[in-house]
Amino acid sequence: MKETIQKSLIFSLLLTNIWSVAVFFIYFFERPGIFSGLKTLGFFLYSCWFSASFGLIVLLISFIKRLKPKFKIFLLTLIFWINLFFFILLLITMAVQIIDSGAFFEILFYANIIVAPIAMLLIMKISKQSNNR
């Protein structure tokens, strides 16, 4: 079970690093002008929205009894770390006031913070059940 969690953590670290490099190059090659940085902000918002919705889908999938526990733990660990990553990014951008904390950003903020602890609790529950077998 620990191997599955470690593989998922490595994969999620790889995904967040690739995402960070992609955002850097989107920002770097954007032309300076009136709305410079808007494409980067849009990519950031779509990424936060995708991570929150994918997290909710994975949480719903984890309740299917037919799936193997290792697969469930892999998906849940992946979602946990990715949602935690985007929650921290949203927290930093709202605290530094890079973006204003409007209703849309608060929905993303709360969706990412709600999915992460629920995924962690499900990981602990599934790993205990599989260890008892």
Foldseek 3Di string as FASTA:
>chain_A
DVVLLVVLVVVLVVVVVVVVVVLVVVLVPFDDDDPRPPVSVVSLLVLLVVLLVLLVVLVVVLPDPPDDLSVNLSSLSSSLVSLVVSLVVLVVCCVVVVDDPDPSSVVSNVSSVVSNVVSVVSNVVSVVVVVVD
